[in-house]
Amino acid sequence: MMLNWFAKLAQKLRGFFGATYILQYVEDEPIKLTNNTIYVVGDQDFPAIATFNCPCGCMQAIQLNLIPTKNKPSWSIDNLGGMPTIAPSVWRKVGCRSHFFIRAGKVVWAKS
C-alpha cells in the first residue's frame, strides 16, 4: 500500500518537474528513443504514428495511432508554438498503467 503511494507521488513529481516535450518529424521510427521527444513517423501532412518513452520512467515505448479511424483508437497531435498537445489522454493498460495527458509539452497526470 505504501509502495503504491510512493510510486504515484514519484509520477506526479516527475510530471511537475519534468522537461518539456518536443516534436520531431521522422520518416522511419527511430531504434533508440530520446526522452522528452515525441517522434511523429510519416509525412508531416499525413502522420501515421507517434512514438515516445513513457513519462513515468519505466522506459517503455508508447506508440499512438495518428490515422483517424472509427474502429481503432486514434490520437491527434497539435503543435502550437512548438509545444505538442496530444488528444485524447494516453492510458497504458499493461506495465506501469500510466494515465496522462500531454498539454503544451508538459505531462499532466490523470487522477486515478
PDB file of N, CA and C in Angstrom:
ATOM      1  N   MET A   1       0.832  -1.192   0.000  1.00  0.00           N
ATOM      2  CA  MET A   1       0.000   0.000   0.000  1.00  0.00           C
ATOM      3  C   MET A   1       0.873   1.252   0.000  1.00  0.00           C
ATOM      4  N   MET A   2       1.852   1.285   0.894  1.00  0.00           N
ATOM      5  CA  MET A   2       2.722   2.454   0.994  1.00  0.00           C
ATOM      6  C   MET A   2       3.586   2.589  -0.257  1.00  0.00           C
ATOM      7  N   LEU A   3       4.028   1.460  -0.819  1.00  0.00           N
ATOM      8  CA  LEU A   3       4.849   1.487  -2.024  1.00  0.00           C
ATOM      9  C   LEU A   3       4.051   2.082  -3.192  1.00  0.00           C
ATOM     10  N   ASN A   4       2.788   1.723  -3.300  1.00  0.00           N
ATOM     11  CA  ASN A   4       1.928   2.270  -4.343  1.00  0.00           C
ATOM     12  C   ASN A   4       1.786   3.781  -4.183  1.00  0.00           C
ATOM     13  N   TRP A   5       1.647   4.245  -2.966  1.00  0.00           N
ATOM     14  CA  TRP A   5       1.516   5.676  -2.696  1.00  0.00           C
ATOM     15  C   TRP A   5       2.784   6.422  -3.128  1.00  0.00           C
ATOM     16  N   PHE A   6       3.956   5.857  -2.810  1.00  0.00           N
ATOM     17  CA  PHE A   6       5.224   6.480  -3.206  1.00  0.00           C
ATOM     18  C   PHE A   6       5.375   6.495  -4.727  1.00  0.00           C
ATOM     19  N   ALA A   7       4.954   5.432  -5.406  1.00  0.00           N
ATOM     20  CA  ALA A   7       5.044   5.379  -6.864  1.00  0.00           C
ATOM     21  C   ALA A   7       4.187   6.470  -7.482  1.00  0.00           C
ATOM     22  N   LYS A   8       2.984   6.673  -6.968  1.00  0.00           N
ATOM     23  CA  LYS A   8       2.105   7.719  -7.501  1.00  0.00           C
ATOM     24  C   LYS A   8       2.684   9.112  -7.234  1.00  0.00           C
ATOM     25  N   LEU A   9       3.273   9.301  -6.064  1.00  0.00           N
ATOM     26  CA  LEU A   9       3.895  10.578  -5.741  1.00  0.00           C
ATOM     27  C   LEU A   9       5.073  10.847  -6.685  1.00  0.00           C
ATOM     28  N   ALA A  10       5.879   9.830  -6.944  1.00  0.00           N
ATOM     29  CA  ALA A  10       7.021   9.986  -7.854  1.00  0.00           C
ATOM     30  C   ALA A  10       6.546  10.357  -9.255  1.00  0.00           C
ATOM     31  N   GLN A  11       5.443   9.749  -9.722  1.00  0.00           N
ATOM     32  CA  GLN A  11       4.886  10.089 -11.036  1.00  0.00           C
ATOM     33  C   GLN A  11       4.508  11.560 -11.096  1.00  0.00           C
ATOM     34  N   LYS A  12       3.823  12.023 -10.084  1.00  0.00           N
ATOM     35  CA  LYS A  12       3.368  13.409 -10.085  1.00  0.00           C
ATOM     36  C   LYS A  12       4.552  14.377 -10.028  1.00  0.00           C
ATOM     37  N   LEU A  13       5.571  14.062  -9.244  1.00  0.00           N
ATOM     38  CA  LEU A  13       6.742  14.928  -9.163  1.00  0.00           C
ATOM     39  C   LEU A  13       7.500  14.967 -10.487  1.00  0.00           C
ATOM     40  N   ARG A  14       7.617  13.817 -11.165  1.00  0.00           N
ATOM     41  CA  ARG A  14       8.280  13.794 -12.471  1.00  0.00           C
ATOM     42  C   ARG A  14       7.523  14.670 -13.459  1.00  0.00           C
ATOM     43  N   GLY A  15       6.200  14.614 -13.416  1.00  0.00           N
ATOM     44  CA  GLY A  15       5.402  15.442 -14.313  1.00  0.00           C
ATOM     45  C   GLY A  15       5.534  16.918 -13.997  1.00  0.00           C
ATOM     46  N   PHE A  16       5.631  17.261 -12.721  1.00  0.00           N
ATOM     47  CA  PHE A  16       5.721  18.658 -12.309  1.00  0.00           C
ATOM     48  C   PHE A  16       7.084  19.246 -12.660  1.00  0.00           C
ATOM     49  N   PHE A  17       8.139  18.486 -12.400  1.00  0.00           N
ATOM     50  CA  PHE A  17       9.485  18.987 -12.636  1.00  0.00           C
ATOM     51  C   PHE A  17      10.067  18.522 -13.967  1.00  0.00           C
ATOM     52  N   GLY A  18       9.327  17.698 -14.702  1.00  0.00           N
ATOM     53  CA  GLY A  18       9.830  17.118 -15.936  1.00  0.00           C
ATOM     54  C   GLY A  18      10.079  18.153 -17.017  1.00  0.00           C
ATOM     55  N   ALA A  19      10.906  17.775 -17.939  1.00  0.00           N
ATOM     56  CA  ALA A  19      11.242  18.660 -19.057  1.00  0.00           C
ATOM     57  C   ALA A  19      10.065  18.747 -20.020  1.00  0.00           C
ATOM     58  N   THR A  20      10.116  19.735 -20.849  1.00  0.00           N
ATOM     59  CA  THR A  20       9.093  19.944 -21.856  1.00  0.00           C
ATOM     60  C   THR A  20       9.314  18.993 -23.021  1.00  0.00           C
ATOM     61  N   TYR A  21       8.230  18.417 -23.518  1.00  0.00           N
ATOM     62  CA  TYR A  21       8.303  17.550 -24.692  1.00  0.00           C
ATOM     63  C   TYR A  21       8.411  18.385 -25.955  1.00  0.00           C
ATOM     64  N   ILE A  22       9.171  17.853 -26.914  1.00  0.00           N
ATOM     65  CA  ILE A  22       9.266  18.472 -28.232  1.00  0.00           C
ATOM     66  C   ILE A  22       8.832  17.441 -29.272  1.00  0.00           C
ATOM     67  N   LEU A  23       8.475  17.911 -30.449  1.00  0.00           N
ATOM     68  CA  LEU A  23       8.127  17.022 -31.560  1.00  0.00           C
ATOM     69  C   LEU A  23       9.289  16.943 -32.528  1.00  0.00           C
ATOM     70  N   GLN A  24       9.480  15.764 -33.058  1.00  0.00           N
ATOM     71  CA  GLN A  24      10.463  15.580 -34.112  1.00  0.00           C
ATOM     72  C   GLN A  24       9.808  14.720 -35.187  1.00  0.00           C
ATOM     73  N   TYR A  25       9.744  15.247 -36.402  1.00  0.00           N
ATOM     74  CA  TYR A  25       9.171  14.514 -37.528  1.00  0.00           C
ATOM     75  C   TYR A  25      10.257  13.668 -38.168  1.00  0.00           C
ATOM     76  N   VAL A  26       9.967  12.369 -38.362  1.00  0.00           N
ATOM     77  CA  VAL A  26      10.928  11.433 -38.941  1.00  0.00           C
ATOM     78  C   VAL A  26      10.231  10.572 -39.995  1.00  0.00           C
ATOM     79  N   GLU A  27      11.013  10.073 -40.946  1.00  0.00           N
ATOM     80  CA  GLU A  27      10.449   9.196 -41.975  1.00  0.00           C
ATOM     81  C   GLU A  27      10.259   7.776 -41.472  1.00  0.00           C
ATOM     82  N   ASP A  28      11.190   7.307 -40.641  1.00  0.00           N
ATOM     83  CA  ASP A  28      11.135   5.949 -40.088  1.00  0.00           C
ATOM     84  C   ASP A  28      11.223   6.028 -38.570  1.00  0.00           C
ATOM     85  N   GLU A  29      10.616   5.043 -37.923  1.00  0.00           N
ATOM     86  CA  GLU A  29      10.649   5.004 -36.461  1.00  0.00           C
ATOM     87  C   GLU A  29      12.083   4.811 -35.981  1.00  0.00           C
ATOM     88  N   PRO A  30      12.545   5.651 -35.046  1.00  0.00           N
ATOM     89  CA  PRO A  30      13.921   5.506 -34.555  1.00  0.00           C
ATOM     90  C   PRO A  30      14.095   4.228 -33.736  1.00  0.00           C
ATOM     91  N   ILE A  31      15.301   3.689 -33.769  1.00  0.00           N
ATOM     92  CA  ILE A  31      15.606   2.493 -32.982  1.00  0.00           C
ATOM     93  C   ILE A  31      15.701   2.858 -31.507  1.00  0.00           C
ATOM     94  N   LYS A  32      16.347   3.973 -31.209  1.00  0.00           N
ATOM     95  CA  LYS A  32      16.508   4.434 -29.823  1.00  0.00           C
ATOM     96  C   LYS A  32      15.724   5.732 -29.663  1.00  0.00           C
ATOM     97  N   LEU A  33      14.876   5.769 -28.651  1.00  0.00           N
ATOM     98  CA  LEU A  33      14.066   6.955 -28.388  1.00  0.00           C
ATOM     99  C   LEU A  33      14.747   7.835 -27.361  1.00  0.00           C
ATOM    100  N   THR A  34      14.728   9.119 -27.594  1.00  0.00           N
ATOM    101  CA  THR A  34      15.267  10.095 -26.655  1.00  0.00           C
ATOM    102  C   THR A  34      14.143  10.551 -25.736  1.00  0.00           C
ATOM    103  N   ASN A  35      14.435  10.628 -24.447  1.00  0.00           N
ATOM    104  CA  ASN A  35      13.422  11.094 -23.501  1.00  0.00           C
ATOM    105  C   ASN A  35      12.962  12.500 -23.865  1.00  0.00           C
ATOM    106  N   ASN A  36      11.708  12.790 -23.573  1.00  0.00           N
ATOM    107  CA  ASN A  36      11.095  14.105 -23.790  1.00  0.00           C
ATOM    108  C   ASN A  36      11.008  14.486 -25.260  1.00  0.00           C
ATOM    109  N   THR A  37      11.086  13.495 -26.152  1.00  0.00           N
ATOM    110  CA  THR A  37      10.899  13.726 -27.574  1.00  0.00           C
ATOM    111  C   THR A  37       9.780  12.826 -28.070  1.00  0.00           C
ATOM    112  N   ILE A  38       8.818  13.421 -28.750  1.00  0.00           N
ATOM    113  CA  ILE A  38       7.749  12.671 -29.393  1.00  0.00           C
ATOM    114  C   ILE A  38       8.097  12.620 -30.867  1.00  0.00           C
ATOM    115  N   TYR A  39       8.308  11.402 -31.374  1.00  0.00           N
ATOM    116  CA  TYR A  39       8.652  11.212 -32.776  1.00  0.00           C
ATOM    117  C   TYR A  39       7.364  10.975 -33.558  1.00  0.00           C
ATOM    118  N   VAL A  40       7.129  11.795 -34.554  1.00  0.00           N
ATOM    119  CA  VAL A  40       5.980  11.632 -35.436  1.00  0.00           C
ATOM    120  C   VAL A  40       6.495  11.009 -36.723  1.00  0.00           C
ATOM    121  N   VAL A  41       6.035   9.778 -36.990  1.00  0.00           N
ATOM    122  CA  VAL A  41       6.528   8.998 -38.116  1.00  0.00           C
ATOM    123  C   VAL A  41       5.576   9.145 -39.296  1.00  0.00           C
ATOM    124  N   GLY A  42       6.143   9.464 -40.446  1.00  0.00           N
ATOM    125  CA  GLY A  42       5.358   9.615 -41.661  1.00  0.00           C
ATOM    126  C   GLY A  42       5.472  11.022 -42.203  1.00  0.00           C
ATOM    127  N   ASP A  43       4.703  11.287 -43.210  1.00  0.00           N
ATOM    128  CA  ASP A  43       4.680  12.604 -43.834  1.00  0.00           C
ATOM    129  C   ASP A  43       4.120  13.631 -42.849  1.00  0.00           C
ATOM    130  N   GLN A  44       4.676  14.822 -42.830  1.00  0.00           N
ATOM    131  CA  GLN A  44       4.243  15.842 -41.871  1.00  0.00           C
ATOM    132  C   GLN A  44       2.763  16.196 -42.063  1.00  0.00           C
ATOM    133  N   ASP A  45       2.281  16.128 -43.296  1.00  0.00           N
ATOM    134  CA  ASP A  45       0.869  16.430 -43.548  1.00  0.00           C
ATOM    135  C   ASP A  45      -0.043  15.249 -43.235  1.00  0.00           C
ATOM    136  N   PHE A  46       0.484  14.034 -43.314  1.00  0.00           N
ATOM    137  CA  PHE A  46      -0.296  12.830 -43.046  1.00  0.00           C
ATOM    138  C   PHE A  46       0.501  11.873 -42.157  1.00  0.00           C
ATOM    139  N   PRO A  47       0.670  12.208 -40.881  1.00  0.00           N
ATOM    140  CA  PRO A  47       1.461  11.343 -39.990  1.00  0.00           C
ATOM    141  C   PRO A  47       0.738  10.030 -39.712  1.00  0.00           C
ATOM    142  N   ALA A  48       1.507   8.969 -39.501  1.00  0.00           N
ATOM    143  CA  ALA A  48       0.943   7.643 -39.247  1.00  0.00           C
ATOM    144  C   ALA A  48       0.924   7.300 -37.762  1.00  0.00           C
ATOM    145  N   ILE A  49       2.056   7.440 -37.086  1.00  0.00           N
ATOM    146  CA  ILE A  49       2.133   7.110 -35.659  1.00  0.00           C
ATOM    147  C   ILE A  49       2.986   8.140 -34.928  1.00  0.00           C
ATOM    148  N   ALA A  50       2.795   8.176 -33.621  1.00  0.00           N
ATOM    149  CA  ALA A  50       3.677   8.924 -32.733  1.00  0.00           C
ATOM    150  C   ALA A  50       4.266   7.917 -31.763  1.00  0.00           C
ATOM    151  N   THR A  51       5.537   8.042 -31.481  1.00  0.00           N
ATOM    152  CA  THR A  51       6.175   7.135 -30.539  1.00  0.00           C
ATOM    153  C   THR A  51       7.070   7.933 -29.599  1.00  0.00           C
ATOM    154  N   PHE A  52       7.077   7.531 -28.327  1.00  0.00           N
ATOM    155  CA  PHE A  52       7.885   8.205 -27.315  1.00  0.00           C
ATOM    156  C   PHE A  52       7.994   7.298 -26.098  1.00  0.00           C
ATOM    157  N   ASN A  53       8.975   7.578 -25.237  1.00  0.00           N
ATOM    158  CA  ASN A  53       9.132   6.824 -23.996  1.00  0.00           C
ATOM    159  C   ASN A  53       8.068   7.245 -23.003  1.00  0.00           C
ATOM    160  N   CYS A  54       7.565   6.279 -22.245  1.00  0.00           N
ATOM    161  CA  CYS A  54       6.568   6.567 -21.219  1.00  0.00           C
ATOM    162  C   CYS A  54       7.152   7.576 -20.225  1.00  0.00           C
ATOM    163  N   PRO A  55       6.411   8.610 -19.879  1.00  0.00           N
ATOM    164  CA  PRO A  55       6.949   9.635 -18.983  1.00  0.00           C
ATOM    165  C   PRO A  55       7.094   9.201 -17.524  1.00  0.00           C
ATOM    166  N   CYS A  56       6.575   8.020 -17.153  1.00  0.00           N
ATOM    167  CA  CYS A  56       6.678   7.586 -15.755  1.00  0.00           C
ATOM    168  C   CYS A  56       8.089   7.157 -15.398  1.00  0.00           C
ATOM    169  N   GLY A  57       8.928   6.899 -16.417  1.00  0.00           N
ATOM    170  CA  GLY A  57      10.298   6.468 -16.155  1.00  0.00           C
ATOM    171  C   GLY A  57      10.512   4.991 -16.389  1.00  0.00           C
ATOM    172  N   CYS A  58       9.463   4.242 -16.769  1.00  0.00           N
ATOM    173  CA  CYS A  58       9.616   2.801 -17.000  1.00  0.00           C
ATOM    174  C   CYS A  58      10.375   2.509 -18.291  1.00  0.00           C
ATOM    175  N   MET A  59      10.564   3.531 -19.141  1.00  0.00           N
ATOM    176  CA  MET A  59      11.322   3.456 -20.390  1.00  0.00           C
ATOM    177  C   MET A  59      10.669   2.565 -21.452  1.00  0.00           C
ATOM    178  N   GLN A  60       9.403   2.251 -21.295  1.00  0.00           N
ATOM    179  CA  GLN A  60       8.682   1.508 -22.324  1.00  0.00           C
ATOM    180  C   GLN A  60       8.241   2.458 -23.426  1.00  0.00           C
ATOM    181  N   ALA A  61       8.357   2.018 -24.659  1.00  0.00           N
ATOM    182  CA  ALA A  61       7.939   2.842 -25.794  1.00  0.00           C
ATOM    183  C   ALA A  61       6.419   2.832 -25.903  1.00  0.00           C
ATOM    184  N   ILE A  62       5.866   3.984 -26.155  1.00  0.00           N
ATOM    185  CA  ILE A  62       4.438   4.128 -26.392  1.00  0.00           C
ATOM    186  C   ILE A  62       4.270   4.488 -27.859  1.00  0.00           C
ATOM    187  N   GLN A  63       3.356   3.805 -28.531  1.00  0.00           N
ATOM    188  CA  GLN A  63       3.043   4.110 -29.918  1.00  0.00           C
ATOM    189  C   GLN A  63       1.568   4.471 -30.016  1.00  0.00           C
ATOM    190  N   LEU A  64       1.301   5.601 -30.641  1.00  0.00           N
ATOM    191  CA  LEU A  64      -0.072   6.075 -30.793  1.00  0.00           C
ATOM    192  C   LEU A  64      -0.416   6.146 -32.274  1.00  0.00           C
ATOM    193  N   ASN A  65      -1.569   5.619 -32.625  1.00  0.00           N
ATOM    194  CA  ASN A  65      -2.070   5.686 -33.993  1.00  0.00           C
ATOM    195  C   ASN A  65      -2.566   7.103 -34.266  1.00  0.00           C
ATOM    196  N   LEU A  66      -2.052   7.736 -35.301  1.00  0.00           N
ATOM    197  CA  LEU A  66      -2.474   9.092 -35.651  1.00  0.00           C
ATOM    198  C   LEU A  66      -3.399   9.120 -36.866  1.00  0.00           C
ATOM    199  N   ILE A  67      -3.733   7.937 -37.394  1.00  0.00           N
ATOM    200  CA  ILE A  67      -4.635   7.858 -38.544  1.00  0.00           C
ATOM    201  C   ILE A  67      -6.066   7.767 -38.011  1.00  0.00           C
ATOM    202  N   PRO A  68      -6.903   8.754 -38.306  1.00  0.00           N
ATOM    203  CA  PRO A  68      -8.278   8.724 -37.786  1.00  0.00           C
ATOM    204  C   PRO A  68      -9.050   7.510 -38.312  1.00  0.00           C
ATOM    205  N   THR A  69      -9.611   6.734 -37.400  1.00  0.00           N
ATOM    206  CA  THR A  69     -10.405   5.564 -37.756  1.00  0.00           C
ATOM    207  C   THR A  69     -11.616   5.484 -36.846  1.00  0.00           C
ATOM    208  N   LYS A  70     -12.601   4.710 -37.255  1.00  0.00           N
ATOM    209  CA  LYS A  70     -13.805   4.530 -36.435  1.00  0.00           C
ATOM    210  C   LYS A  70     -13.673   3.353 -35.484  1.00  0.00           C
ATOM    211  N   ASN A  71     -12.928   2.322 -35.883  1.00  0.00           N
ATOM    212  CA  ASN A  71     -12.900   1.084 -35.115  1.00  0.00           C
ATOM    213  C   ASN A  71     -11.710   0.944 -34.175  1.00  0.00           C
ATOM    214  N   LYS A  72     -10.677   1.733 -34.361  1.00  0.00           N
ATOM    215  CA  LYS A  72      -9.484   1.608 -33.527  1.00  0.00           C
ATOM    216  C   LYS A  72      -9.234   2.940 -32.830  1.00  0.00           C
ATOM    217  N   PRO A  73      -8.618   2.893 -31.675  1.00  0.00           N
ATOM    218  CA  PRO A  73      -8.297   4.184 -31.049  1.00  0.00           C
ATOM    219  C   PRO A  73      -7.310   4.963 -31.900  1.00  0.00           C
ATOM    220  N   SER A  74      -7.485   6.265 -31.923  1.00  0.00           N
ATOM    221  CA  SER A  74      -6.535   7.131 -32.610  1.00  0.00           C
ATOM    222  C   SER A  74      -6.405   8.429 -31.829  1.00  0.00           C
ATOM    223  N   TRP A  75      -5.266   9.068 -32.014  1.00  0.00           N
ATOM    224  CA  TRP A  75      -4.946  10.294 -31.308  1.00  0.00           C
ATOM    225  C   TRP A  75      -4.634  11.385 -32.312  1.00  0.00           C
ATOM    226  N   SER A  76      -4.600  12.605 -31.845  1.00  0.00           N
ATOM    227  CA  SER A  76      -4.170  13.714 -32.688  1.00  0.00           C
ATOM    228  C   SER A  76      -3.113  14.505 -31.920  1.00  0.00           C
ATOM    229  N   ILE A  77      -2.243  15.149 -32.676  1.00  0.00           N
ATOM    230  CA  ILE A  77      -1.200  15.978 -32.071  1.00  0.00           C
ATOM    231  C   ILE A  77      -1.304  17.375 -32.667  1.00  0.00           C
ATOM    232  N   ASP A  78      -1.399  18.355 -31.797  1.00  0.00           N
ATOM    233  CA  ASP A  78      -1.315  19.753 -32.200  1.00  0.00           C
ATOM    234  C   ASP A  78       0.038  20.264 -31.740  1.00  0.00           C
ATOM    235  N   ASN A  79       0.640  21.110 -32.536  1.00  0.00           N
ATOM    236  CA  ASN A  79       1.970  21.628 -32.218  1.00  0.00           C
ATOM    237  C   ASN A  79       1.950  23.145 -32.294  1.00  0.00           C
ATOM    238  N   LEU A  80       1.146  23.748 -31.453  1.00  0.00           N
ATOM    239  CA  LEU A  80       1.025  25.198 -31.456  1.00  0.00           C
ATOM    240  C   LEU A  80       2.198  25.822 -30.717  1.00  0.00           C
ATOM    241  N   GLY A  81       2.928  26.668 -31.391  1.00  0.00           N
ATOM    242  CA  GLY A  81       4.061  27.338 -30.765  1.00  0.00           C
ATOM    243  C   GLY A  81       5.182  26.406 -30.376  1.00  0.00           C
ATOM    244  N   GLY A  82       5.272  25.247 -31.029  1.00  0.00           N
ATOM    245  CA  GLY A  82       6.346  24.312 -30.715  1.00  0.00           C
ATOM    246  C   GLY A  82       6.105  23.461 -29.483  1.00  0.00           C
ATOM    247  N   MET A  83       4.916  23.562 -28.906  1.00  0.00           N
ATOM    248  CA  MET A  83       4.591  22.789 -27.708  1.00  0.00           C
ATOM    249  C   MET A  83       3.492  21.777 -28.041  1.00  0.00           C
ATOM    250  N   PRO A  84       3.822  20.476 -28.095  1.00  0.00           N
ATOM    251  CA  PRO A  84       2.844  19.483 -28.526  1.00  0.00           C
ATOM    252  C   PRO A  84       1.748  19.222 -27.493  1.00  0.00           C
ATOM    253  N   THR A  85       0.556  18.986 -28.015  1.00  0.00           N
ATOM    254  CA  THR A  85      -0.591  18.563 -27.213  1.00  0.00           C
ATOM    255  C   THR A  85      -1.160  17.323 -27.877  1.00  0.00           C
ATOM    256  N   ILE A  86      -1.356  16.271 -27.086  1.00  0.00           N
ATOM    257  CA  ILE A  86      -1.907  15.010 -27.588  1.00  0.00           C
ATOM    258  C   ILE A  86      -3.320  14.858 -27.047  1.00  0.00           C
ATOM    259  N   ALA A  87      -4.240  14.473 -27.922  1.00  0.00           N
ATOM    260  CA  ALA A  87      -5.620  14.224 -27.503  1.00  0.00           C
ATOM    261  C   ALA A  87      -6.086  12.919 -28.123  1.00  0.00           C
ATOM    262  N   PRO A  88      -6.852  12.124 -27.419  1.00  0.00           N
ATOM    263  CA  PRO A  88      -7.216  12.227 -26.012  1.00  0.00           C
ATOM    264  C   PRO A  88      -6.057  11.787 -25.115  1.00  0.00           C
ATOM    265  N   SER A  89      -6.354  11.454 -23.872  1.00  0.00           N
ATOM    266  CA  SER A  89      -5.314  11.030 -22.934  1.00  0.00           C
ATOM    267  C   SER A  89      -4.695   9.704 -23.370  1.00  0.00           C
ATOM    268  N   VAL A  90      -3.537   9.413 -22.802  1.00  0.00           N
ATOM    269  CA  VAL A  90      -2.847   8.144 -23.038  1.00  0.00           C
ATOM    270  C   VAL A  90      -2.982   7.332 -21.759  1.00  0.00           C
ATOM    271  N   TRP A  91      -3.496   6.106 -21.903  1.00  0.00           N
ATOM    272  CA  TRP A  91      -3.701   5.249 -20.733  1.00  0.00           C
ATOM    273  C   TRP A  91      -3.146   3.873 -21.049  1.00  0.00           C
ATOM    274  N   ARG A  92      -2.026   3.551 -20.432  1.00  0.00           N
ATOM    275  CA  ARG A  92      -1.406   2.232 -20.628  1.00  0.00           C
ATOM    276  C   ARG A  92      -2.179   1.197 -19.834  1.00  0.00           C
ATOM    277  N   LYS A  93      -2.612   0.148 -20.500  1.00  0.00           N
ATOM    278  CA  LYS A  93      -3.401  -0.908 -19.855  1.00  0.00           C
ATOM    279  C   LYS A  93      -2.520  -2.024 -19.307  1.00  0.00           C
ATOM    280  N   VAL A  94      -1.241  -2.036 -19.662  1.00  0.00           N
ATOM    281  CA  VAL A  94      -0.294  -3.044 -19.185  1.00  0.00           C
ATOM    282  C   VAL A  94       0.938  -2.330 -18.638  1.00  0.00           C
ATOM    283  N   GLY A  95       1.808  -3.093 -18.003  1.00  0.00           N
ATOM    284  CA  GLY A  95       3.046  -2.497 -17.491  1.00  0.00           C
ATOM    285  C   GLY A  95       2.772  -1.519 -16.362  1.00  0.00           C
ATOM    286  N   CYS A  96       3.258  -0.300 -16.509  1.00  0.00           N
ATOM    287  CA  CYS A  96       3.173   0.702 -15.438  1.00  0.00           C
ATOM    288  C   CYS A  96       1.757   1.257 -15.253  1.00  0.00           C
ATOM    289  N   ARG A  97       0.877   1.087 -16.239  1.00  0.00           N
ATOM    290  CA  ARG A  97      -0.521   1.533 -16.194  1.00  0.00           C
ATOM    291  C   ARG A  97      -0.660   3.049 -16.049  1.00  0.00           C
ATOM    292  N   SER A  98       0.292   3.776 -16.568  1.00  0.00           N
ATOM    293  CA  SER A  98       0.238   5.241 -16.511  1.00  0.00           C
ATOM    294  C   SER A  98      -0.965   5.770 -17.283  1.00  0.00           C
ATOM    295  N   HIS A  99      -1.524   6.849 -16.778  1.00  0.00           N
ATOM    296  CA  HIS A  99      -2.636   7.537 -17.439  1.00  0.00           C
ATOM    297  C   HIS A  99      -2.320   9.021 -17.364  1.00  0.00           C
ATOM    298  N   PHE A 100      -2.159   9.639 -18.533  1.00  0.00           N
ATOM    299  CA  PHE A 100      -1.694  11.022 -18.551  1.00  0.00           C
ATOM    300  C   PHE A 100      -2.147  11.737 -19.820  1.00  0.00           C
ATOM    301  N   PHE A 101      -2.023  13.032 -19.790  1.00  0.00           N
ATOM    302  CA  PHE A 101      -2.226  13.902 -20.940  1.00  0.00           C
ATOM    303  C   PHE A 101      -0.884  14.565 -21.234  1.00  0.00           C
ATOM    304  N   ILE A 102      -0.678  14.986 -22.458  1.00  0.00           N
ATOM    305  CA  ILE A 102       0.432  15.889 -22.769  1.00  0.00           C
ATOM    306  C   ILE A 102      -0.218  17.155 -23.292  1.00  0.00           C
ATOM    307  N   ARG A 103      -0.055  18.224 -22.529  1.00  0.00           N
ATOM    308  CA  ARG A 103      -0.659  19.515 -22.843  1.00  0.00           C
ATOM    309  C   ARG A 103       0.434  20.568 -22.902  1.00  0.00           C
ATOM    310  N   ALA A 104       0.537  21.237 -24.023  1.00  0.00           N
ATOM    311  CA  ALA A 104       1.547  22.283 -24.225  1.00  0.00           C
ATOM    312  C   ALA A 104       2.937  21.788 -23.831  1.00  0.00           C
ATOM    313  N   GLY A 105       3.233  20.527 -24.205  1.00  0.00           N
ATOM    314  CA  GLY A 105       4.553  19.963 -23.977  1.00  0.00           C
ATOM    315  C   GLY A 105       4.802  19.404 -22.592  1.00  0.00           C
ATOM    316  N   LYS A 106       3.848  19.528 -21.689  1.00  0.00           N
ATOM    317  CA  LYS A 106       4.016  19.050 -20.312  1.00  0.00           C
ATOM    318  C   LYS A 106       3.119  17.848 -20.034  1.00  0.00           C
ATOM    319  N   VAL A 107       3.586  16.943 -19.187  1.00  0.00           N
ATOM    320  CA  VAL A 107       2.781  15.799 -18.768  1.00  0.00           C
ATOM    321  C   VAL A 107       1.830  16.243 -17.676  1.00  0.00           C
ATOM    322  N   VAL A 108       0.569  15.912 -17.840  1.00  0.00           N
ATOM    323  CA  VAL A 108      -0.447  16.150 -16.818  1.00  0.00           C
ATOM    324  C   VAL A 108      -1.005  14.784 -16.462  1.00  0.00           C
ATOM    325  N   TRP A 109      -0.775  14.352 -15.220  1.00  0.00           N
ATOM    326  CA  TRP A 109      -1.204  13.023 -14.782  1.00  0.00           C
ATOM    327  C   TRP A 109      -2.694  13.033 -14.526  1.00  0.00           C
ATOM    328  N   ALA A 110      -3.372  11.997 -15.015  1.00  0.00           N
ATOM    329  CA  ALA A 110      -4.809  11.838 -14.785  1.00  0.00           C
ATOM    330  C   ALA A 110      -5.008  11.358 -13.352  1.00  0.00           C
ATOM    331  N   LYS A 111      -6.070  11.782 -12.771  1.00  0.00           N
ATOM    332  CA  LYS A 111      -6.377  11.336 -11.406  1.00  0.00           C
ATOM    333  C   LYS A 111      -6.905   9.906 -11.480  1.00  0.00           C
ATOM    334  N   SER A 112      -6.423   9.068 -10.559  1.00  0.00           N
ATOM    335  CA  SER A 112      -6.898   7.686 -10.560  1.00  0.00           C
ATOM    336  C   SER A 112      -7.590   7.344  -9.269  1.00  0.00           C
TER     337      SER A 112
END
